[in-house]
C-alpha atoms as a PDB file:
ATOM      1  CA  UNK A   1      13.907 -17.099  -1.838  1.00  0.00           C
ATOM      2  CA  UNK A   2      12.782 -14.547   0.716  1.00  0.00           C
ATOM      3  CA  UNK A   3       8.969 -14.126   1.222  1.00  0.00           C
ATOM      4  CA  UNK A   4       9.302 -10.449   0.281  1.00  0.00           C
ATOM      5  CA  UNK A   5      10.651 -11.441  -3.108  1.00  0.00           C
ATOM      6  CA  UNK A   6       7.969 -13.957  -3.668  1.00  0.00           C
ATOM      7  CA  UNK A   7       5.283 -11.353  -2.676  1.00  0.00           C
ATOM      8  CA  UNK A   8       6.870  -8.853  -5.154  1.00  0.00           C
ATOM      9  CA  UNK A   9       6.640 -11.536  -7.793  1.00  0.00           C
ATOM     10  CA  UNK A  10       2.876 -12.266  -7.082  1.00  0.00           C
ATOM     11  CA  UNK A  11       2.431  -8.424  -7.077  1.00  0.00           C
ATOM     12  CA  UNK A  12       3.999  -7.965 -10.379  1.00  0.00           C
ATOM     13  CA  UNK A  13       1.994 -11.071 -11.833  1.00  0.00           C
ATOM     14  CA  UNK A  14      -1.149  -9.344 -10.878  1.00  0.00           C
ATOM     15  CA  UNK A  15      -0.373  -6.126 -12.906  1.00  0.00           C
ATOM     16  CA  UNK A  16      -2.576  -6.391 -15.992  1.00  0.00           C
ATOM     17  CA  UNK A  17      -0.339  -4.364 -18.137  1.00  0.00           C
ATOM     18  CA  UNK A  18       2.545  -6.864 -17.668  1.00  0.00           C
ATOM     19  CA  UNK A  19       0.124  -9.709 -18.506  1.00  0.00           C
ATOM     20  CA  UNK A  20      -0.864  -8.036 -21.748  1.00  0.00           C
ATOM     21  CA  UNK A  21       2.587  -7.697 -22.998  1.00  0.00           C
ATOM     22  CA  UNK A  22       3.533  -4.099 -22.042  1.00  0.00           C
ATOM     23  CA  UNK A  23       7.130  -3.657 -20.891  1.00  0.00           C
ATOM     24  CA  UNK A  24       6.055  -0.850 -18.326  1.00  0.00           C
ATOM     25  CA  UNK A  25       3.003  -1.028 -15.945  1.00  0.00           C
ATOM     26  CA  UNK A  26       0.367   1.378 -16.662  1.00  0.00           C
ATOM     27  CA  UNK A  27      -0.129   3.953 -13.625  1.00  0.00           C
ATOM     28  CA  UNK A  28      -3.796   4.265 -12.986  1.00  0.00           C
ATOM     29  CA  UNK A  29      -4.742   7.708 -11.853  1.00  0.00           C
ATOM     30  CA  UNK A  30      -7.697   8.836  -9.739  1.00  0.00           C
ATOM     31  CA  UNK A  31      -8.257  11.700  -7.380  1.00  0.00           C
ATOM     32  CA  UNK A  32      -7.350  10.891  -3.860  1.00  0.00           C
ATOM     33  CA  UNK A  33     -10.067  10.967  -1.233  1.00  0.00           C
ATOM     34  CA  UNK A  34     -10.020  14.219   0.905  1.00  0.00           C
ATOM     35  CA  UNK A  35      -8.534  14.106   4.398  1.00  0.00           C
ATOM     36  CA  UNK A  36     -11.907  15.186   5.702  1.00  0.00           C
ATOM     37  CA  UNK A  37     -12.925  13.150   8.721  1.00  0.00           C
ATOM     38  CA  UNK A  38      -9.490  13.095  10.088  1.00  0.00           C
ATOM     39  CA  UNK A  39      -8.375  15.672  12.686  1.00  0.00           C
ATOM     40  CA  UNK A  40      -4.857  16.488  13.315  1.00  0.00           C
ATOM     41  CA  UNK A  41      -5.777  16.542  17.035  1.00  0.00           C
ATOM     42  CA  UNK A  42      -6.503  12.868  16.649  1.00  0.00           C
ATOM     43  CA  UNK A  43      -3.682  11.133  18.372  1.00  0.00           C
ATOM     44  CA  UNK A  44      -3.821   8.397  15.730  1.00  0.00           C
ATOM     45  CA  UNK A  45      -2.861  10.993  12.949  1.00  0.00           C
ATOM     46  CA  UNK A  46       0.690  12.331  12.915  1.00  0.00           C
ATOM     47  CA  UNK A  47       3.216  13.746  10.425  1.00  0.00           C
ATOM     48  CA  UNK A  48       6.764  12.583  10.194  1.00  0.00           C
ATOM     49  CA  UNK A  49       9.295  14.794   8.730  1.00  0.00           C
ATOM     50  CA  UNK A  50      12.037  12.433   7.297  1.00  0.00           C
ATOM     51  CA  UNK A  51      15.125  12.428   5.284  1.00  0.00           C
ATOM     52  CA  UNK A  52      14.395  11.649   1.505  1.00  0.00           C
ATOM     53  CA  UNK A  53      15.866   8.204   2.138  1.00  0.00           C
ATOM     54  CA  UNK A  54      12.974   7.145   4.379  1.00  0.00           C
ATOM     55  CA  UNK A  55      13.532   3.394   4.391  1.00  0.00           C
ATOM     56  CA  UNK A  56       9.850   2.701   4.234  1.00  0.00           C
ATOM     57  CA  UNK A  57       8.762  -0.067   2.150  1.00  0.00           C
ATOM     58  CA  UNK A  58       5.132   0.639   1.172  1.00  0.00           C
ATOM     59  CA  UNK A  59       2.591  -2.067   0.630  1.00  0.00           C
ATOM     60  CA  UNK A  60      -0.985  -1.626  -0.666  1.00  0.00           C
ATOM     61  CA  UNK A  61      -4.411  -3.587  -0.719  1.00  0.00           C
ATOM     62  CA  UNK A  62      -5.668  -5.855  -3.646  1.00  0.00           C
ATOM     63  CA  UNK A  63      -6.910  -2.819  -5.452  1.00  0.00           C
ATOM     64  CA  UNK A  64      -3.286  -1.653  -5.606  1.00  0.00           C
ATOM     65  CA  UNK A  65      -4.362   1.439  -3.620  1.00  0.00           C
ATOM     66  CA  UNK A  66      -4.337   2.420   0.134  1.00  0.00           C
ATOM     67  CA  UNK A  67      -0.572   2.661   0.802  1.00  0.00           C
ATOM     68  CA  UNK A  68       0.665   1.501   4.070  1.00  0.00           C
ATOM     69  CA  UNK A  69       3.966   0.846   5.902  1.00  0.00           C
ATOM     70  CA  UNK A  70       4.857  -2.728   5.040  1.00  0.00           C
ATOM     71  CA  UNK A  71       8.334  -2.719   6.534  1.00  0.00           C
ATOM     72  CA  UNK A  72      10.986  -0.333   7.754  1.00  0.00           C
ATOM     73  CA  UNK A  73      14.732  -0.448   6.901  1.00  0.00           C
ATOM     74  CA  UNK A  74      16.509  -0.103   9.965  1.00  0.00           C
ATOM     75  CA  UNK A  75      19.121   2.124   8.472  1.00  0.00           C
ATOM     76  CA  UNK A  76      16.491   4.528   6.956  1.00  0.00           C
ATOM     77  CA  UNK A  77      15.351   7.689   8.434  1.00  0.00           C
ATOM     78  CA  UNK A  78      12.003   6.532   9.548  1.00  0.00           C
ATOM     79  CA  UNK A  79      13.323   3.812  11.805  1.00  0.00           C
ATOM     80  CA  UNK A  80      16.008   6.388  13.158  1.00  0.00           C
ATOM     81  CA  UNK A  81      13.337   9.011  13.713  1.00  0.00           C
ATOM     82  CA  UNK A  82      11.110   6.327  15.463  1.00  0.00           C
ATOM     83  CA  UNK A  83       7.513   7.590  15.091  1.00  0.00           C
ATOM     84  CA  UNK A  84       6.615   5.453  12.133  1.00  0.00           C
ATOM     85  CA  UNK A  85       5.691   1.864  12.660  1.00  0.00           C
ATOM     86  CA  UNK A  86       4.929  -1.155  10.400  1.00  0.00           C
ATOM     87  CA  UNK A  87       1.285  -0.999   9.639  1.00  0.00           C
ATOM     88  CA  UNK A  88       0.755   2.698   9.722  1.00  0.00           C
ATOM     89  CA  UNK A  89      -1.606   4.067   6.779  1.00  0.00           C
ATOM     90  CA  UNK A  90      -0.136   6.684   4.690  1.00  0.00           C
ATOM     91  CA  UNK A  91      -2.627   9.658   4.517  1.00  0.00           C
ATOM     92  CA  UNK A  92      -0.672  12.514   2.871  1.00  0.00           C
ATOM     93  CA  UNK A  93       2.548  13.286   1.150  1.00  0.00           C
ATOM     94  CA  UNK A  94       3.770  17.090   1.567  1.00  0.00           C
ATOM     95  CA  UNK A  95       0.232  17.926   2.726  1.00  0.00           C
ATOM     96  CA  UNK A  96      -1.406  16.373  -0.384  1.00  0.00           C
ATOM     97  CA  UNK A  97      -3.991  13.557   0.304  1.00  0.00           C
ATOM     98  CA  UNK A  98      -2.984  10.058  -1.078  1.00  0.00           C
ATOM     99  CA  UNK A  99      -5.947   8.388   0.569  1.00  0.00           C
ATOM    100  CA  UNK A 100      -7.188   5.644  -1.660  1.00  0.00           C
ATOM    101  CA  UNK A 101      -4.819   6.572  -4.525  1.00  0.00           C
ATOM    102  CA  UNK A 102      -3.116   3.888  -6.595  1.00  0.00           C
ATOM    103  CA  UNK A 103       0.282   2.782  -5.328  1.00  0.00           C
ATOM    104  CA  UNK A 104       1.832   3.831  -8.541  1.00  0.00           C
ATOM    105  CA  UNK A 105       0.444   7.511  -8.112  1.00  0.00           C
ATOM    106  CA  UNK A 106       1.830   7.540  -4.373  1.00  0.00           C
ATOM    107  CA  UNK A 107       5.199   6.554  -5.542  1.00  0.00           C
ATOM    108  CA  UNK A 108       5.284   9.175  -8.184  1.00  0.00           C
ATOM    109  CA  UNK A 109       4.271  11.815  -5.676  1.00  0.00           C
ATOM    110  CA  UNK A 110       6.996  10.745  -3.382  1.00  0.00           C
ATOM    111  CA  UNK A 111       9.619  10.638  -6.158  1.00  0.00           C
ATOM    112  CA  UNK A 112       8.489  14.237  -7.382  1.00  0.00           C
ATOM    113  CA  UNK A 113       9.299  15.936  -3.996  1.00  0.00           C
ATOM    114  CA  UNK A 114      12.131  18.329  -3.854  1.00  0.00           C
ATOM    115  CA  UNK A 115      14.307  19.113  -0.967  1.00  0.00           C
ATOM    116  CA  UNK A 116      16.322  16.996   1.522  1.00  0.00           C
ATOM    117  CA  UNK A 117      13.294  16.152   3.767  1.00  0.00           C
ATOM    118  CA  UNK A 118       9.791  14.823   3.261  1.00  0.00           C
ATOM    119  CA  UNK A 119       6.587  15.324   5.449  1.00  0.00           C
ATOM    120  CA  UNK A 120       4.471  12.330   5.528  1.00  0.00           C
ATOM    121  CA  UNK A 121       1.221  12.258   7.380  1.00  0.00           C
ATOM    122  CA  UNK A 122       0.134   8.632   8.699  1.00  0.00           C
ATOM    123  CA  UNK A 123      -2.875   7.117  10.516  1.00  0.00           C
ATOM    124  CA  UNK A 124      -2.056   4.616  12.992  1.00  0.00           C
ATOM    125  CA  UNK A 125      -4.827   2.018  13.138  1.00  0.00           C
ATOM    126  CA  UNK A 126      -6.601  -0.450  10.763  1.00  0.00           C
ATOM    127  CA  UNK A 127      -7.423   0.453   7.121  1.00  0.00           C
ATOM    128  CA  UNK A 128     -11.023  -0.281   7.965  1.00  0.00           C
ATOM    129  CA  UNK A 129     -11.317   2.407  10.535  1.00  0.00           C
ATOM    130  CA  UNK A 130      -9.400   4.962   8.389  1.00  0.00           C
ATOM    131  CA  UNK A 131     -11.950   4.172   5.572  1.00  0.00           C
ATOM    132  CA  UNK A 132     -14.750   4.734   7.937  1.00  0.00           C
ATOM    133  CA  UNK A 133     -13.391   7.904   9.335  1.00  0.00           C
ATOM    134  CA  UNK A 134     -12.810   9.254   5.782  1.00  0.00           C
ATOM    135  CA  UNK A 135     -16.148   8.330   4.358  1.00  0.00           C
ATOM    136  CA  UNK A 136     -14.563   5.718   1.939  1.00  0.00           C
ATOM    137  CA  UNK A 137     -16.888   2.884   3.246  1.00  0.00           C
ATOM    138  CA  UNK A 138     -19.833   4.809   1.488  1.00  0.00           C
ATOM    139  CA  UNK A 139     -18.442   3.680  -1.812  1.00  0.00           C
ATOM    140  CA  UNK A 140     -19.793   0.509  -3.326  1.00  0.00           C
ATOM    141  CA  UNK A 141     -18.312  -2.595  -1.704  1.00  0.00           C
ATOM    142  CA  UNK A 142     -16.809  -4.910  -4.128  1.00  0.00           C
ATOM    143  CA  UNK A 143     -14.740  -7.967  -4.445  1.00  0.00           C
ATOM    144  CA  UNK A 144     -11.537  -8.602  -6.442  1.00  0.00           C
ATOM    145  CA  UNK A 145     -10.817 -11.655  -8.467  1.00  0.00           C
ATOM    146  CA  UNK A 146      -7.322 -12.911  -8.560  1.00  0.00           C
ATOM    147  CA  UNK A 147      -5.890 -15.720 -10.675  1.00  0.00           C
ATOM    148  CA  UNK A 148      -3.046 -17.407  -8.936  1.00  0.00           C
ATOM    149  CA  UNK A 149      -0.646 -19.183 -11.248  1.00  0.00           C
ATOM    150  CA  UNK A 150       2.055 -21.318  -9.841  1.00  0.00           C
ATOM    151  CA  UNK A 151       4.725 -23.474 -11.980  1.00  0.00           C
ATOM    152  CA  UNK A 152       3.370 -26.968 -12.159  1.00  0.00           C
ATOM    153  CA  UNK A 153       0.041 -26.289 -10.781  1.00  0.00           C
ATOM    154  CA  UNK A 154      -3.542 -25.460 -12.174  1.00  0.00           C
ATOM    155  CA  UNK A 155      -4.350 -21.899 -12.126  1.00  0.00           C
ATOM    156  CA  UNK A 156      -6.808 -20.960  -9.350  1.00  0.00           C
ATOM    157  CA  UNK A 157      -9.203 -17.993  -8.883  1.00  0.00           C
ATOM    158  CA  UNK A 158      -9.497 -16.276  -5.498  1.00  0.00           C
ATOM    159  CA  UNK A 159     -12.404 -13.882  -4.765  1.00  0.00           C
ATOM    160  CA  UNK A 160     -11.434 -11.433  -1.900  1.00  0.00           C
ATOM    161  CA  UNK A 161     -13.123  -8.462  -0.394  1.00  0.00           C
ATOM    162  CA  UNK A 162     -12.254  -5.096  -1.767  1.00  0.00           C
ATOM    163  CA  UNK A 163      -9.375  -3.509   0.423  1.00  0.00           C
ATOM    164  CA  UNK A 164      -8.070  -6.810   1.550  1.00  0.00           C
ATOM    165  CA  UNK A 165      -4.177  -7.197   2.124  1.00  0.00           C
ATOM    166  CA  UNK A 166      -2.894  -9.408  -0.610  1.00  0.00           C
ATOM    167  CA  UNK A 167      -0.263 -11.186   1.318  1.00  0.00           C
ATOM    168  CA  UNK A 168      -2.694 -11.903   4.130  1.00  0.00           C
ATOM    169  CA  UNK A 169      -5.242 -13.274   1.749  1.00  0.00           C
ATOM    170  CA  UNK A 170      -2.679 -15.542  -0.048  1.00  0.00           C
ATOM    171  CA  UNK A 171      -1.271 -16.807   3.220  1.00  0.00           C
ATOM    172  CA  UNK A 172      -4.524 -17.526   4.872  1.00  0.00           C
ATOM    173  CA  UNK A 173      -5.704 -19.538   1.828  1.00  0.00           C
ATOM    174  CA  UNK A 174      -2.234 -21.288   1.601  1.00  0.00           C
ATOM    175  CA  UNK A 175      -1.611 -19.908  -1.845  1.00  0.00           C
ATOM    176  CA  UNK A 176       1.956 -19.187  -1.460  1.00  0.00           C
ATOM    177  CA  UNK A 177       4.573 -21.255   0.464  1.00  0.00           C
ATOM    178  CA  UNK A 178       6.569 -19.830   3.387  1.00  0.00           C
ATOM    179  CA  UNK A 179      10.335 -19.384   2.598  1.00  0.00           C
ATOM    180  CA  UNK A 180      12.863 -18.320   5.126  1.00  0.00           C
END
């Protein structure tokens, strides 16, 4: 099983709505953070105008927020255009901030766009710096508790920092096995 499939399964297992018997996940809504603190003159901030089939696989942190580029399909418009790289943080969709927005809300914003092209604003740098520049670090720092359930093993609880990358945390704690 490819590691991306395993990560997707772990991600889906974390969705509370699925754990409580709902057939569809609940999309959490909250107002994205303003882009204030980021300057379009900052060389780390850029906008890519891409075909609708961007080929971008977005990831998010443990709070299911803070979308970033997890992977690029080599046949997608982002890879062909060349400015978007794995790890870039998604800042805005068609000029509207998606900073700190739940991943479901970001995906809905992308799906709702009309036209043949999409304008996506990115920040090239670590999420920690993006949070600092946008004032997100002034929010209360919290931790997230995750219950890892694997067939044939006892459930384990992990406590990880708010904003951490789920895959990195699981791998660093040897919670998932590596598959080629």
